[in-house]
Amino acid sequence: MIILIRIDIQKWLVLKNGLYKIMDTKSFASAIEQICEEKNISKDKVLETIEMALAAAYKKEYNRKGQNIKVKFDLKTGKMKIFQVKLVVNESMLKTEDGPEEEISTTEEKNEEETEKKVRFNPEKHIMIEDAKKGSNPGDEIEFPLETAHDFGRIAAQTAKQVIIQRIREAERESIFEEFKEKEGQVVSGVVQRIEKGNVFLDIGKASGVIFPEDQIPHERYQIGQRLRLYIAEVQKDSRGPTITLSRTHPKMVSQLFALEVPEISGGTVEIKSIAREAGSRSKIAVTSTEERVDPIGSMIGQKGTRVQAVINELAGEKIDIIEWAEDPIKFISQSLSPAKVINVEIDKKLNQAKVIVPEDQLSLAIGIKGQNVRLAAKLTGWKIDIAIQEEKKVKKKTIIKDKEKKTNKKSK
């Protein structure tokens, strides 16, 4: 009767007549290929893991705990070679029986010095330089071939299995971390898995991410199974796997969403210069074109507003003002206060401050509800903006002239 031991997704050891043996080479190679494909791990990493597991099983089965065992496994032939590895040492590298842990210098570089702790001689792990092969130097490792084993007992096989599971999980975590670290600053799609204490956990493919309360759009409600687009704000390593912090409020999320909707951005003909955002309420985005024939604002809006509307829908109805970026700060500040009309802009470069003159009927529009419009314009341009009303001198002159005409008419009568 054959009993198969599974390592996460594949079988690799077969129990027959009370001893565990490696399965046939083709099946074993196929198992490694499948692990590499499904876990996104390199074949070399999996093979290294298998060799470590076989070394652990050998040490367990043949009571070689004090030895440094190394296994080389050949996937093509299915054969393995077992070696005992010893470190070449000299007298200066050894410490006395009661001596303290000292550090000895091994190599010196310009500004760095690598050090190595003195070791207590162990014949299972070390070999004196005079007993080593000719040409060996202190610090070298020498491999001594051992009798190759093909059969393992139950405990040894279980040890190998645990080593493989642990190492493959570590390799998988490392692979996931590297994959999402490269995606940091990008937008991904995710499905809401659970909500705990205000934190929203989402499945974003091979990993899970979390949106903390401060990264959630105000008044936006999340439901289990809901699909969302999210900005990867930060990816950090953790013992249980990568910790991926997601955001729905980051200003760059707006630019990333437009990059998905507007081909001209990925093509390089339209460029997003600046973004100011108050998540869930309103955003301002400044764009420019690298080609004269391309209208940057029209490209962002799309035919009948389809492109900008797709972004608005993704951001829970957030209003988006698209303005054309200008190198001239006066023109840029004037356009940033859109939809309000601006009469004049006076700038003070030393104070990085701008005084904007608007008609009286445009004042509330320029400031916005609770100062939102001017606040976003200041963030967008990087200038402090003060808004003033236009003085009505011309109107006063006209009224004076009319009064004079009335007086002259009375005298003539």
Protein backbone atom coordinates (compact mmCIF):
# COMPACT_ATOMS: atom_id res chain seq x y z
CA MET A 1 0.00 0.00 0.00
CA ILE A 2 1.39 3.42 -0.99
CA ILE A 3 0.66 6.46 1.21
CA LEU A 4 1.38 9.92 -0.24
CA ILE A 5 2.66 12.79 1.92
CA ARG A 6 1.57 16.18 0.58
CA ILE A 7 3.74 19.28 0.78
CA ASP A 8 1.23 22.10 0.50
CA ILE A 9 0.17 21.33 -3.08
CA GLN A 10 2.27 18.39 -4.25
CA LYS A 11 3.47 14.93 -3.27
CA TRP A 12 7.16 14.29 -3.08
CA LEU A 13 7.83 11.36 -0.72
CA VAL A 14 6.25 7.93 -1.04
CA LEU A 15 5.90 5.49 1.86
CA LYS A 16 6.53 1.90 0.77
CA ASN A 17 7.48 -1.08 2.96
CA GLY A 18 7.89 1.19 6.01
CA LEU A 19 10.49 3.51 4.39
CA TYR A 20 10.09 6.84 2.63
CA LYS A 21 11.60 7.20 -0.82
CA ILE A 22 11.66 9.99 -3.39
CA MET A 23 9.10 9.48 -6.12
CA ASP A 24 10.12 9.02 -9.75
CA THR A 25 12.14 11.84 -11.28
CA LYS A 26 9.50 13.03 -13.77
CA SER A 27 6.82 13.37 -11.10
CA PHE A 28 9.26 15.10 -8.77
CA ALA A 29 10.34 17.59 -11.46
CA SER A 30 6.69 18.18 -12.34
CA ALA A 31 5.91 18.86 -8.66
CA ILE A 32 8.66 21.49 -8.50
CA GLU A 33 7.45 23.11 -11.73
CA GLN A 34 3.93 23.39 -10.32
CA ILE A 35 5.14 24.86 -7.03
CA CYS A 36 7.23 27.45 -8.92
CA GLU A 37 4.28 28.42 -11.12
CA GLU A 38 1.59 28.61 -8.45
CA LYS A 39 3.72 30.18 -5.71
CA ASN A 40 5.70 32.45 -8.07
CA ILE A 41 9.00 31.15 -6.68
CA SER A 42 12.17 30.54 -8.68
CA LYS A 43 13.15 26.93 -9.41
CA ASP A 44 16.56 27.50 -7.80
CA LYS A 45 14.86 28.58 -4.57
CA VAL A 46 12.63 25.50 -4.49
CA LEU A 47 15.56 23.21 -5.29
CA GLU A 48 17.58 24.83 -2.50
CA THR A 49 14.66 24.20 -0.15
CA ILE A 50 14.46 20.53 -1.19
CA GLU A 51 18.20 20.10 -0.61
CA MET A 52 17.93 21.66 2.87
CA ALA A 53 15.02 19.35 3.68
CA LEU A 54 16.93 16.26 2.55
CA ALA A 55 19.92 17.38 4.63
CA ALA A 56 17.66 17.75 7.69
CA ALA A 57 16.14 14.33 7.06
CA TYR A 58 19.60 12.74 6.70
CA LYS A 59 20.83 14.30 9.96
CA LYS A 60 17.69 13.08 11.73
CA GLU A 61 17.81 9.56 10.32
CA TYR A 62 21.53 8.89 10.70
CA ASN A 63 22.14 10.84 13.91
CA ARG A 64 24.44 13.47 12.38
CA LYS A 65 23.13 16.37 14.47
CA GLY A 66 26.54 17.88 15.20
CA GLN A 67 27.62 17.85 11.56
CA ASN A 68 27.16 20.41 8.82
CA ILE A 69 25.44 18.34 6.13
CA LYS A 70 25.00 19.52 2.56
CA VAL A 71 22.93 17.80 -0.14
CA LYS A 72 23.19 18.30 -3.90
CA PHE A 73 20.14 17.06 -5.79
CA ASP A 74 20.05 16.51 -9.55
CA LEU A 75 16.58 17.03 -11.02
CA LYS A 76 17.45 15.34 -14.32
CA THR A 77 18.67 12.05 -12.84
CA GLY A 78 16.80 12.16 -9.53
CA LYS A 79 20.02 11.33 -7.69
CA MET A 80 21.48 13.13 -4.70
CA LYS A 81 24.96 13.48 -3.25
CA ILE A 82 25.56 14.04 0.45
CA PHE A 83 28.56 15.86 1.90
CA GLN A 84 29.88 16.81 5.30
CA VAL A 85 31.18 20.37 5.25
CA LYS A 86 34.06 21.46 7.48
CA LEU A 87 35.53 24.93 8.00
CA VAL A 88 39.29 25.32 7.68
CA VAL A 89 40.70 27.05 10.76
CA ASN A 90 44.11 27.94 12.21
CA GLU A 91 45.30 28.61 15.76
CA SER A 92 44.49 32.34 15.59
CA MET A 93 40.84 31.57 14.84
CA LEU A 94 40.39 29.36 17.90
CA LYS A 95 39.53 30.49 21.42
CA THR A 96 40.67 28.94 24.67
CA GLU A 97 38.42 26.82 26.85
CA ASP A 98 37.62 29.62 29.29
CA GLY A 99 38.43 32.54 27.03
CA PRO A 100 35.85 35.22 26.25
CA GLU A 101 34.22 35.71 22.87
CA GLU A 102 36.72 37.80 20.88
CA GLU A 103 36.53 39.21 17.41
CA ILE A 104 39.35 38.72 14.92
CA SER A 105 39.88 40.72 11.77
CA THR A 106 39.69 38.71 8.54
CA THR A 107 39.78 41.36 5.81
CA GLU A 108 40.36 45.07 5.72
CA GLU A 109 38.95 47.50 3.20
CA LYS A 110 39.16 51.26 2.80
CA ASN A 111 36.57 52.30 5.34
CA GLU A 112 35.09 48.97 6.42
CA GLU A 113 36.48 46.10 8.47
CA GLU A 114 34.75 42.73 8.44
CA THR A 115 35.17 40.77 11.66
CA GLU A 116 34.63 37.17 12.63
CA LYS A 117 34.13 35.67 16.09
CA LYS A 118 36.68 33.17 17.37
CA VAL A 119 35.36 29.63 17.47
CA ARG A 120 35.82 26.64 19.75
CA PHE A 121 37.24 23.74 17.75
CA ASN A 122 34.77 20.97 16.92
CA PRO A 123 36.12 18.05 14.84
CA GLU A 124 32.64 17.57 13.31
CA LYS A 125 32.56 21.13 11.96
CA HIS A 126 36.17 22.27 11.75
CA ILE A 127 39.47 21.05 10.34
CA MET A 128 42.91 22.44 11.10
CA ILE A 129 44.73 23.98 8.17
CA GLU A 130 47.63 21.53 8.50
CA ASP A 131 45.18 18.61 8.10
CA ALA A 132 43.34 20.17 5.17
CA LYS A 133 44.08 19.78 1.46
CA LYS A 134 46.98 21.64 -0.03
CA GLY A 135 46.09 25.12 -1.20
CA SER A 136 43.37 25.54 1.42
CA ASN A 137 43.17 28.82 3.31
CA PRO A 138 41.64 29.66 6.71
CA GLY A 139 37.93 30.33 6.24
CA ASP A 140 37.56 27.91 3.30
CA GLU A 141 34.96 25.13 3.37
CA ILE A 142 35.87 21.59 2.44
CA GLU A 143 33.28 18.99 1.42
CA PHE A 144 33.72 15.34 2.41
CA PRO A 145 31.44 12.90 0.54
CA LEU A 146 29.24 10.64 2.65
CA GLU A 147 27.35 7.47 1.84
CA THR A 148 24.26 8.40 -0.14
CA ALA A 149 20.96 7.46 1.51
CA HIS A 150 17.74 6.81 -0.37
CA ASP A 151 15.49 5.56 2.42
CA PHE A 152 14.20 7.61 5.36
CA GLY A 153 12.14 6.69 8.40
CA ARG A 154 8.85 8.31 9.33
CA ILE A 155 10.36 10.91 11.69
CA ALA A 156 13.06 11.92 9.20
CA ALA A 157 10.47 12.25 6.43
CA GLN A 158 8.26 14.36 8.69
CA THR A 159 11.24 16.60 9.48
CA ALA A 160 11.90 17.07 5.76
CA LYS A 161 8.26 17.86 5.14
CA GLN A 162 8.19 20.54 7.85
CA VAL A 163 11.40 22.12 6.54
CA ILE A 164 9.98 22.31 3.02
CA ILE A 165 6.65 23.76 4.16
CA GLN A 166 8.37 26.40 6.26
CA ARG A 167 10.94 27.35 3.63
CA ILE A 168 8.42 27.51 0.79
CA ARG A 169 6.15 29.71 2.89
CA GLU A 170 9.08 32.02 3.59
CA ALA A 171 10.01 32.10 -0.09
CA GLU A 172 6.39 32.77 -1.03
CA ARG A 173 6.18 35.66 1.46
CA GLU A 174 9.40 37.11 0.08
CA SER A 175 8.09 36.77 -3.48
CA ILE A 176 4.79 38.48 -2.58
CA PHE A 177 6.63 41.27 -0.77
CA GLU A 178 8.88 41.95 -3.77
CA GLU A 179 5.92 41.85 -6.18
CA PHE A 180 3.83 44.38 -4.23
CA LYS A 181 6.85 46.52 -3.33
CA GLU A 182 7.22 47.14 -7.06
CA LYS A 183 3.52 48.09 -7.21
CA GLU A 184 3.88 50.67 -4.43
CA GLY A 185 2.36 53.92 -5.69
CA GLN A 186 0.02 52.15 -8.13
CA VAL A 187 -3.71 51.45 -8.15
CA VAL A 188 -4.96 47.88 -7.75
CA SER A 189 -8.38 46.25 -7.60
CA GLY A 190 -9.54 44.52 -4.42
CA VAL A 191 -12.53 42.83 -2.83
CA VAL A 192 -13.66 43.62 0.72
CA GLN A 193 -13.12 40.56 2.94
CA ARG A 194 -13.95 41.82 6.42
CA ILE A 195 -14.30 44.97 8.52
CA GLU A 196 -12.80 45.09 12.02
CA LYS A 197 -12.82 48.12 14.33
CA GLY A 198 -13.07 50.51 11.40
CA ASN A 199 -10.23 48.83 9.48
CA VAL A 200 -11.22 47.38 6.09
CA PHE A 201 -9.36 44.25 4.93
CA LEU A 202 -9.33 43.44 1.22
CA ASP A 203 -8.19 40.63 -1.02
CA ILE A 204 -5.91 42.16 -3.67
CA GLY A 205 -4.81 38.96 -5.40
CA LYS A 206 -1.98 37.00 -3.84
CA ALA A 207 -2.09 39.05 -0.64
CA SER A 208 -4.40 40.98 1.66
CA GLY A 209 -4.28 44.71 2.29
CA VAL A 210 -5.86 47.04 4.84
CA ILE A 211 -7.41 50.50 4.68
CA PHE A 212 -7.11 52.29 8.00
CA PRO A 213 -9.83 54.81 8.96
CA GLU A 214 -7.65 57.83 8.08
CA ASP A 215 -7.19 56.43 4.55
CA GLN A 216 -10.91 55.95 3.93
CA ILE A 217 -13.09 58.44 2.05
CA PRO A 218 -15.35 60.22 4.59
CA HIS A 219 -18.93 58.92 4.65
CA GLU A 220 -18.07 56.09 2.23
CA ARG A 221 -19.61 52.79 3.33
CA TYR A 222 -18.00 49.42 2.60
CA GLN A 223 -19.73 46.04 2.27
CA ILE A 224 -18.42 42.48 2.25
CA GLY A 225 -17.78 41.39 -1.35
CA GLN A 226 -17.64 44.96 -2.66
CA ARG A 227 -15.01 45.55 -5.37
CA LEU A 228 -12.91 48.71 -5.12
CA ARG A 229 -9.88 50.33 -6.66
CA LEU A 230 -7.19 51.19 -4.14
CA TYR A 231 -3.87 53.00 -3.99
CA ILE A 232 -0.94 51.02 -2.55
CA ALA A 233 0.51 53.53 -0.10
CA GLU A 234 3.13 51.39 1.66
CA VAL A 235 4.44 47.81 1.70
CA GLN A 236 6.40 46.55 4.72
CA LYS A 237 7.92 43.21 5.71
CA ASP A 238 6.40 41.23 8.56
CA SER A 239 6.99 37.80 10.08
CA ARG A 240 3.53 36.67 8.92
CA GLY A 241 3.95 38.12 5.45
CA PRO A 242 3.98 41.57 3.84
CA THR A 243 1.85 44.30 5.43
CA ILE A 244 0.19 46.28 2.64
CA THR A 245 -1.32 49.64 3.54
CA LEU A 246 -3.99 50.78 1.08
CA SER A 247 -5.59 54.19 0.63
CA ARG A 248 -8.67 55.72 -0.95
CA THR A 249 -7.72 59.30 -0.01
CA HIS A 250 -4.19 59.68 -1.41
CA PRO A 251 -3.95 62.52 -3.99
CA LYS A 252 -1.94 60.33 -6.37
CA MET A 253 -4.85 57.92 -6.58
CA VAL A 254 -6.62 60.48 -8.77
CA SER A 255 -3.68 60.64 -11.19
CA GLN A 256 -3.41 56.84 -11.29
CA LEU A 257 -7.12 56.48 -12.08
CA PHE A 258 -6.83 59.03 -14.89
CA ALA A 259 -3.77 57.14 -16.21
CA LEU A 260 -5.97 54.05 -16.54
CA GLU A 261 -8.72 55.98 -18.36
CA VAL A 262 -6.66 58.38 -20.52
CA PRO A 263 -4.32 56.74 -23.10
CA GLU A 264 -2.63 60.09 -23.74
CA ILE A 265 -1.12 60.00 -20.23
CA SER A 266 0.54 56.61 -20.72
CA GLY A 267 1.55 57.77 -24.21
CA GLY A 268 3.28 60.81 -22.74
CA THR A 269 1.37 63.45 -24.72
CA VAL A 270 -0.58 64.60 -21.64
CA GLU A 271 1.16 65.15 -18.33
CA ILE A 272 -0.31 65.67 -14.86
CA LYS A 273 1.68 68.46 -13.20
CA SER A 274 -0.05 68.94 -9.87
CA ILE A 275 -2.94 67.60 -7.77
CA ALA A 276 -4.79 69.00 -4.76
CA ARG A 277 -7.43 66.85 -3.13
CA GLU A 278 -9.93 66.82 -0.31
CA ALA A 279 -11.08 63.22 -0.52
CA GLY A 280 -14.78 62.63 -0.96
CA SER A 281 -15.50 66.29 -1.69
CA ARG A 282 -13.40 67.91 -4.41
CA SER A 283 -10.10 67.70 -6.29
CA LYS A 284 -8.19 70.03 -8.58
CA ILE A 285 -5.79 68.68 -11.15
CA ALA A 286 -3.42 70.68 -13.39
CA VAL A 287 -2.48 69.15 -16.74
CA THR A 288 -0.39 70.11 -19.74
CA SER A 289 0.31 68.75 -23.21
CA THR A 290 3.67 68.01 -24.81
CA GLU A 291 2.14 68.47 -28.27
CA GLU A 292 0.41 71.63 -29.48
CA ARG A 293 -2.34 69.76 -31.31
CA VAL A 294 -3.43 67.84 -28.22
CA ASP A 295 -5.92 69.52 -25.88
CA PRO A 296 -4.96 68.32 -22.37
CA ILE A 297 -8.27 69.25 -20.74
CA GLY A 298 -10.30 67.68 -23.54
CA SER A 299 -8.23 64.50 -23.32
CA MET A 300 -8.89 64.25 -19.59
CA ILE A 301 -12.62 64.86 -19.95
CA GLY A 302 -13.13 62.53 -22.90
CA GLN A 303 -16.00 62.36 -25.36
CA LYS A 304 -19.17 63.50 -23.60
CA GLY A 305 -17.26 63.43 -20.32
CA THR A 306 -16.91 59.63 -20.23
CA ARG A 307 -13.32 59.58 -18.95
CA VAL A 308 -13.68 62.03 -16.10
CA GLN A 309 -17.06 60.54 -15.18
CA ALA A 310 -15.48 57.09 -14.80
CA VAL A 311 -13.00 58.53 -12.30
CA ILE A 312 -15.74 60.45 -10.46
CA ASN A 313 -17.82 57.27 -10.15
CA GLU A 314 -14.82 55.39 -8.72
CA LEU A 315 -14.28 58.15 -6.15
CA ALA A 316 -17.86 58.07 -4.84
CA GLY A 317 -19.01 61.18 -6.73
CA GLU A 318 -16.05 63.40 -5.83
CA LYS A 319 -16.03 66.62 -7.91
CA ILE A 320 -12.97 67.14 -10.11
CA ASP A 321 -11.79 70.46 -11.57
CA ILE A 322 -9.36 70.08 -14.48
CA ILE A 323 -7.29 73.15 -15.34
CA GLU A 324 -4.43 73.77 -17.73
CA TRP A 325 -1.03 74.16 -16.12
CA ALA A 326 0.99 77.27 -16.97
CA GLU A 327 4.63 78.07 -16.31
CA ASP A 328 3.71 81.70 -15.62
CA PRO A 329 2.61 81.77 -11.93
CA ILE A 330 0.15 84.66 -12.54
CA LYS A 331 -1.66 82.72 -15.26
CA PHE A 332 -1.51 79.46 -13.27
CA ILE A 333 -2.93 81.05 -10.11
CA SER A 334 -5.67 82.74 -12.12
CA GLN A 335 -6.68 79.43 -13.73
CA SER A 336 -6.46 77.51 -10.47
CA LEU A 337 -9.40 79.48 -9.02
CA SER A 338 -11.69 78.20 -11.76
CA PRO A 339 -14.68 78.36 -12.12
CA ALA A 340 -14.34 81.89 -10.65
CA LYS A 341 -13.30 84.71 -13.00
CA VAL A 342 -10.16 86.62 -12.01
CA ILE A 343 -9.43 90.26 -12.95
CA ASN A 344 -5.85 90.60 -11.75
CA VAL A 345 -3.11 88.74 -9.85
CA GLU A 346 -0.27 90.41 -7.97
CA ILE A 347 2.53 88.17 -6.68
CA ASP A 348 5.21 88.63 -4.05
CA LYS A 349 7.98 86.11 -4.73
CA LYS A 350 9.78 86.83 -1.45
CA LEU A 351 6.73 85.96 0.63
CA ASN A 352 5.49 83.40 -1.92
CA GLN A 353 2.15 85.14 -1.72
CA ALA A 354 -0.39 86.18 -4.33
CA LYS A 355 -3.15 88.79 -4.14
CA VAL A 356 -6.04 87.97 -6.45
CA ILE A 357 -8.62 90.59 -7.52
CA VAL A 358 -12.08 89.31 -8.43
CA PRO A 359 -15.43 90.99 -9.16
CA GLU A 360 -17.74 91.30 -6.19
CA ASP A 361 -20.20 88.77 -7.63
CA GLN A 362 -17.36 86.23 -8.04
CA LEU A 363 -16.04 86.48 -4.48
CA SER A 364 -18.06 83.64 -2.98
CA LEU A 365 -17.31 81.45 -6.00
CA ALA A 366 -13.57 82.14 -5.77
CA ILE A 367 -13.46 81.35 -2.05
CA GLY A 368 -15.80 78.35 -2.28
CA ILE A 369 -17.83 76.63 0.42
CA LYS A 370 -15.93 76.96 3.70
CA GLY A 371 -12.95 78.29 1.73
CA GLN A 372 -12.49 75.04 -0.18
CA ASN A 373 -11.86 76.49 -3.66
CA VAL A 374 -9.11 78.92 -2.60
CA ARG A 375 -7.63 76.31 -0.26
CA LEU A 376 -7.32 73.74 -3.06
CA ALA A 377 -5.95 76.41 -5.43
CA ALA A 378 -3.24 77.23 -2.89
CA LYS A 379 -2.28 73.55 -2.57
CA LEU A 380 -2.30 73.11 -6.33
CA THR A 381 -0.08 76.11 -7.10
CA GLY A 382 2.05 76.18 -3.96
CA TRP A 383 1.29 79.90 -3.41
CA LYS A 384 -0.48 81.61 -0.51
CA ILE A 385 -3.54 83.22 -2.02
CA ASP A 386 -5.44 86.27 -0.70
CA ILE A 387 -8.64 87.28 -2.49
CA ALA A 388 -9.83 90.88 -2.70
CA ILE A 389 -12.81 92.58 -4.34
CA GLN A 390 -12.38 94.97 -7.26
CA GLU A 391 -12.78 98.63 -6.27
CA GLU A 392 -15.73 100.27 -8.04
CA LYS A 393 -14.12 103.62 -8.90
CA LYS A 394 -15.73 103.88 -12.31
CA VAL A 395 -19.19 103.43 -10.86
CA LYS A 396 -18.63 106.28 -8.38
CA LYS A 397 -17.46 108.64 -11.15
CA LYS A 398 -20.57 107.96 -13.19
CA THR A 399 -22.82 108.75 -10.27
CA ILE A 400 -20.96 112.06 -9.67
CA ILE A 401 -21.40 113.07 -13.32
CA LYS A 402 -25.11 112.33 -13.16
CA ASP A 403 -25.46 114.45 -10.02
CA LYS A 404 -23.76 117.40 -11.77
CA GLU A 405 -26.09 117.10 -14.75
CA LYS A 406 -29.12 117.25 -12.46
CA LYS A 407 -27.84 120.44 -10.80
CA THR A 408 -27.19 122.21 -14.14
CA ASN A 409 -30.65 121.27 -15.36
CA LYS A 410 -32.23 122.81 -12.27
CA LYS A 411 -30.34 126.10 -12.76
CA SER A 412 -31.38 126.39 -16.41
CA LYS A 413 -34.95 125.99 -15.42
